[in-house]
Amino acid sequence: MSVWEQFVSIHAVTSGMFDDMPVAAKIKEAQATLLTQLWKNTKDAMREPNKDDKPTDEQLKMIDEATKETAKGFGVSNPCRALAR
């Protein structure tokens, strides 16, 4: 797993946006969906952490938006609540 994939995976889980996922067993599937979506839509931005660069605020926003959409697709009704904590 590349640096950006590790970062996104850890960030998605520690942000709390996957906390209310109805079936915990779906976390790995949600992770795969999130990583695929980010790579497909923001490949250049996701390459930056592989260069030992700290993710920018813009990249974190992209990751958070993609994580929210992924969480909603897996039955989390209000993933935005996690960011307000």
N, C-alpha and C. Protein backbone atom coordinates (compact mmCIF):
# COMPACT_ATOMS: atom_id res chain seq x y z
N MET A 1 0.86 -1.17 0.00
CA MET A 1 0.00 0.00 0.00
C MET A 1 0.90 1.23 0.00
N SER A 2 0.61 2.17 -0.88
CA SER A 2 1.44 3.37 -1.00
C SER A 2 1.19 4.33 0.17
N VAL A 3 2.03 5.33 0.28
CA VAL A 3 1.91 6.31 1.36
C VAL A 3 0.55 7.00 1.31
N TRP A 4 0.14 7.44 0.11
CA TRP A 4 -1.13 8.15 0.03
C TRP A 4 -2.29 7.25 0.42
N GLU A 5 -2.24 5.97 0.05
CA GLU A 5 -3.31 5.03 0.40
C GLU A 5 -3.35 4.82 1.91
N GLN A 6 -2.19 4.71 2.53
CA GLN A 6 -2.14 4.57 3.98
C GLN A 6 -2.69 5.81 4.67
N PHE A 7 -2.25 6.98 4.18
CA PHE A 7 -2.72 8.23 4.78
C PHE A 7 -4.24 8.36 4.67
N VAL A 8 -4.77 8.16 3.48
CA VAL A 8 -6.22 8.29 3.27
C VAL A 8 -6.98 7.30 4.14
N SER A 9 -6.51 6.07 4.21
CA SER A 9 -7.19 5.04 5.01
C SER A 9 -7.23 5.43 6.48
N ILE A 10 -6.10 5.86 7.01
CA ILE A 10 -6.04 6.25 8.42
C ILE A 10 -6.89 7.50 8.66
N HIS A 11 -6.78 8.47 7.77
CA HIS A 11 -7.55 9.72 7.92
C HIS A 11 -9.05 9.44 7.87
N ALA A 12 -9.48 8.60 6.96
CA ALA A 12 -10.91 8.30 6.83
C ALA A 12 -11.46 7.67 8.10
N VAL A 13 -10.71 6.76 8.68
CA VAL A 13 -11.19 6.07 9.88
C VAL A 13 -11.09 6.97 11.11
N THR A 14 -9.98 7.69 11.28
CA THR A 14 -9.83 8.52 12.47
C THR A 14 -10.68 9.78 12.42
N SER A 15 -11.17 10.16 11.25
CA SER A 15 -12.05 11.33 11.15
C SER A 15 -13.42 11.03 11.75
N GLY A 16 -13.74 9.75 11.88
CA GLY A 16 -15.03 9.36 12.43
C GLY A 16 -16.13 9.20 11.41
N MET A 17 -15.83 9.46 10.14
CA MET A 17 -16.88 9.41 9.13
C MET A 17 -17.37 8.00 8.84
N PHE A 18 -16.62 7.00 9.22
CA PHE A 18 -17.05 5.62 9.02
C PHE A 18 -17.61 5.01 10.32
N ASP A 19 -17.64 5.80 11.40
CA ASP A 19 -18.06 5.27 12.70
C ASP A 19 -19.46 4.67 12.70
N ASP A 20 -20.38 5.29 11.98
CA ASP A 20 -21.77 4.84 12.00
C ASP A 20 -22.11 3.89 10.86
N MET A 21 -21.11 3.30 10.25
CA MET A 21 -21.36 2.37 9.16
C MET A 21 -22.14 1.18 9.73
N PRO A 22 -23.30 0.86 9.13
CA PRO A 22 -24.17 -0.17 9.69
C PRO A 22 -23.50 -1.54 9.88
N VAL A 23 -22.63 -1.91 9.01
CA VAL A 23 -21.98 -3.22 9.12
C VAL A 23 -20.48 -2.99 9.11
N ALA A 24 -19.85 -3.23 10.24
CA ALA A 24 -18.41 -2.98 10.36
C ALA A 24 -17.60 -3.76 9.34
N ALA A 25 -18.12 -4.90 8.91
CA ALA A 25 -17.41 -5.71 7.93
C ALA A 25 -17.30 -5.00 6.58
N LYS A 26 -18.08 -3.96 6.37
CA LYS A 26 -18.06 -3.21 5.12
C LYS A 26 -16.92 -2.18 5.08
N ILE A 27 -16.20 -2.01 6.18
CA ILE A 27 -15.13 -1.00 6.23
C ILE A 27 -14.09 -1.25 5.14
N LYS A 28 -13.65 -2.47 4.97
CA LYS A 28 -12.64 -2.77 3.94
C LYS A 28 -13.17 -2.47 2.54
N GLU A 29 -14.42 -2.79 2.31
CA GLU A 29 -15.03 -2.49 1.01
C GLU A 29 -15.14 -0.97 0.81
N ALA A 30 -15.52 -0.26 1.86
CA ALA A 30 -15.60 1.20 1.79
C ALA A 30 -14.22 1.80 1.55
N GLN A 31 -13.21 1.25 2.20
CA GLN A 31 -11.84 1.72 2.00
C GLN A 31 -11.44 1.55 0.54
N ALA A 32 -11.70 0.40 -0.02
CA ALA A 32 -11.34 0.14 -1.42
C ALA A 32 -12.08 1.09 -2.36
N THR A 33 -13.35 1.33 -2.08
CA THR A 33 -14.14 2.26 -2.89
C THR A 33 -13.57 3.67 -2.80
N LEU A 34 -13.24 4.10 -1.59
CA LEU A 34 -12.68 5.44 -1.38
C LEU A 34 -11.36 5.61 -2.12
N LEU A 35 -10.46 4.65 -1.98
CA LEU A 35 -9.16 4.74 -2.64
C LEU A 35 -9.31 4.74 -4.16
N THR A 36 -10.20 3.91 -4.67
CA THR A 36 -10.44 3.87 -6.12
C THR A 36 -10.99 5.20 -6.62
N GLN A 37 -11.96 5.74 -5.89
CA GLN A 37 -12.57 7.02 -6.28
C GLN A 37 -11.52 8.14 -6.28
N LEU A 38 -10.72 8.22 -5.23
CA LEU A 38 -9.71 9.28 -5.16
C LEU A 38 -8.68 9.13 -6.27
N TRP A 39 -8.24 7.92 -6.53
CA TRP A 39 -7.24 7.71 -7.58
C TRP A 39 -7.81 8.06 -8.95
N LYS A 40 -9.06 7.69 -9.17
CA LYS A 40 -9.70 7.97 -10.46
C LYS A 40 -9.89 9.48 -10.67
N ASN A 41 -10.31 10.18 -9.63
CA ASN A 41 -10.70 11.59 -9.77
C ASN A 41 -9.61 12.60 -9.42
N THR A 42 -8.64 12.21 -8.61
CA THR A 42 -7.64 13.18 -8.13
C THR A 42 -6.24 12.57 -8.09
N LYS A 43 -5.92 11.82 -9.11
CA LYS A 43 -4.66 11.08 -9.14
C LYS A 43 -3.44 11.95 -8.85
N ASP A 44 -3.34 13.10 -9.49
CA ASP A 44 -2.16 13.96 -9.29
C ASP A 44 -2.04 14.42 -7.84
N ALA A 45 -3.16 14.82 -7.24
CA ALA A 45 -3.14 15.26 -5.85
C ALA A 45 -2.76 14.12 -4.91
N MET A 46 -3.17 12.91 -5.22
CA MET A 46 -2.88 11.78 -4.35
C MET A 46 -1.43 11.31 -4.49
N ARG A 47 -0.77 11.73 -5.53
CA ARG A 47 0.65 11.36 -5.70
C ARG A 47 1.56 12.16 -4.76
N GLU A 48 1.13 13.34 -4.34
CA GLU A 48 1.97 14.22 -3.54
C GLU A 48 2.46 13.59 -2.23
N PRO A 49 1.59 12.94 -1.43
CA PRO A 49 2.09 12.33 -0.20
C PRO A 49 3.15 11.24 -0.45
N ASN A 50 3.16 10.66 -1.63
CA ASN A 50 4.19 9.67 -1.95
C ASN A 50 5.57 10.31 -2.08
N LYS A 51 5.60 11.63 -2.24
CA LYS A 51 6.86 12.35 -2.38
C LYS A 51 7.34 12.90 -1.03
N ASP A 52 6.78 12.40 0.04
CA ASP A 52 7.09 12.86 1.39
C ASP A 52 6.58 14.25 1.68
N ASP A 53 5.65 14.73 0.86
CA ASP A 53 5.04 16.03 1.12
C ASP A 53 3.85 15.85 2.05
N LYS A 54 3.70 16.77 2.97
CA LYS A 54 2.54 16.75 3.84
C LYS A 54 1.32 17.12 3.00
N PRO A 55 0.19 16.44 3.19
CA PRO A 55 -1.01 16.78 2.42
C PRO A 55 -1.41 18.24 2.68
N THR A 56 -1.79 18.92 1.63
CA THR A 56 -2.22 20.31 1.74
C THR A 56 -3.66 20.37 2.25
N ASP A 57 -4.08 21.56 2.63
CA ASP A 57 -5.47 21.74 3.06
C ASP A 57 -6.43 21.38 1.93
N GLU A 58 -6.05 21.73 0.71
CA GLU A 58 -6.88 21.40 -0.46
C GLU A 58 -7.00 19.88 -0.63
N GLN A 59 -5.89 19.17 -0.46
CA GLN A 59 -5.93 17.70 -0.57
C GLN A 59 -6.78 17.10 0.54
N LEU A 60 -6.63 17.62 1.76
CA LEU A 60 -7.44 17.13 2.88
C LEU A 60 -8.93 17.36 2.61
N LYS A 61 -9.26 18.49 2.02
CA LYS A 61 -10.66 18.77 1.68
C LYS A 61 -11.16 17.76 0.65
N MET A 62 -10.34 17.46 -0.37
CA MET A 62 -10.72 16.45 -1.37
C MET A 62 -10.95 15.10 -0.71
N ILE A 63 -10.05 14.73 0.19
CA ILE A 63 -10.16 13.45 0.89
C ILE A 63 -11.42 13.42 1.73
N ASP A 64 -11.68 14.50 2.48
CA ASP A 64 -12.88 14.54 3.31
C ASP A 64 -14.16 14.46 2.48
N GLU A 65 -14.21 15.17 1.36
CA GLU A 65 -15.39 15.12 0.49
C GLU A 65 -15.60 13.71 -0.06
N ALA A 66 -14.53 13.09 -0.52
CA ALA A 66 -14.63 11.73 -1.06
C ALA A 66 -15.03 10.75 0.04
N THR A 67 -14.50 10.95 1.25
CA THR A 67 -14.84 10.07 2.37
C THR A 67 -16.32 10.21 2.73
N LYS A 68 -16.83 11.44 2.74
CA LYS A 68 -18.25 11.66 3.03
C LYS A 68 -19.13 10.95 2.01
N GLU A 69 -18.80 11.11 0.74
CA GLU A 69 -19.59 10.46 -0.32
C GLU A 69 -19.53 8.94 -0.21
N THR A 70 -18.35 8.42 0.07
CA THR A 70 -18.21 6.97 0.23
C THR A 70 -19.01 6.48 1.42
N ALA A 71 -18.91 7.19 2.55
CA ALA A 71 -19.65 6.79 3.75
C ALA A 71 -21.15 6.78 3.48
N LYS A 72 -21.65 7.80 2.80
CA LYS A 72 -23.08 7.85 2.46
C LYS A 72 -23.47 6.64 1.61
N GLY A 73 -22.61 6.27 0.68
CA GLY A 73 -22.88 5.12 -0.18
C GLY A 73 -22.92 3.80 0.57
N PHE A 74 -22.34 3.79 1.78
CA PHE A 74 -22.34 2.58 2.59
C PHE A 74 -23.29 2.70 3.78
N GLY A 75 -24.25 3.61 3.69
CA GLY A 75 -25.32 3.67 4.68
C GLY A 75 -25.10 4.58 5.87
N VAL A 76 -24.05 5.38 5.88
CA VAL A 76 -23.86 6.33 6.98
C VAL A 76 -24.71 7.55 6.66
N SER A 77 -25.68 7.83 7.51
CA SER A 77 -26.65 8.88 7.19
C SER A 77 -26.09 10.29 7.31
N ASN A 78 -25.17 10.53 8.24
CA ASN A 78 -24.66 11.88 8.43
C ASN A 78 -23.16 11.88 8.72
N PRO A 79 -22.34 11.58 7.72
CA PRO A 79 -20.89 11.54 7.96
C PRO A 79 -20.31 12.91 8.28
N CYS A 80 -21.02 13.98 7.92
CA CYS A 80 -20.53 15.33 8.20
C CYS A 80 -20.50 15.62 9.69
N ARG A 81 -21.34 14.93 10.44
CA ARG A 81 -21.38 15.10 11.90
C ARG A 81 -20.02 14.82 12.50
N ALA A 82 -19.30 13.87 11.94
CA ALA A 82 -17.99 13.50 12.47
C ALA A 82 -17.00 14.66 12.37
N LEU A 83 -17.08 15.46 11.33
CA LEU A 83 -16.16 16.57 11.16
C LEU A 83 -16.45 17.71 12.13
N ALA A 84 -17.66 17.76 12.66
CA ALA A 84 -18.03 18.83 13.58
C ALA A 84 -17.57 18.55 15.01
N ARG A 85 -17.11 17.34 15.28
CA ARG A 85 -16.72 16.99 16.65
C ARG A 85 -15.49 17.74 17.08
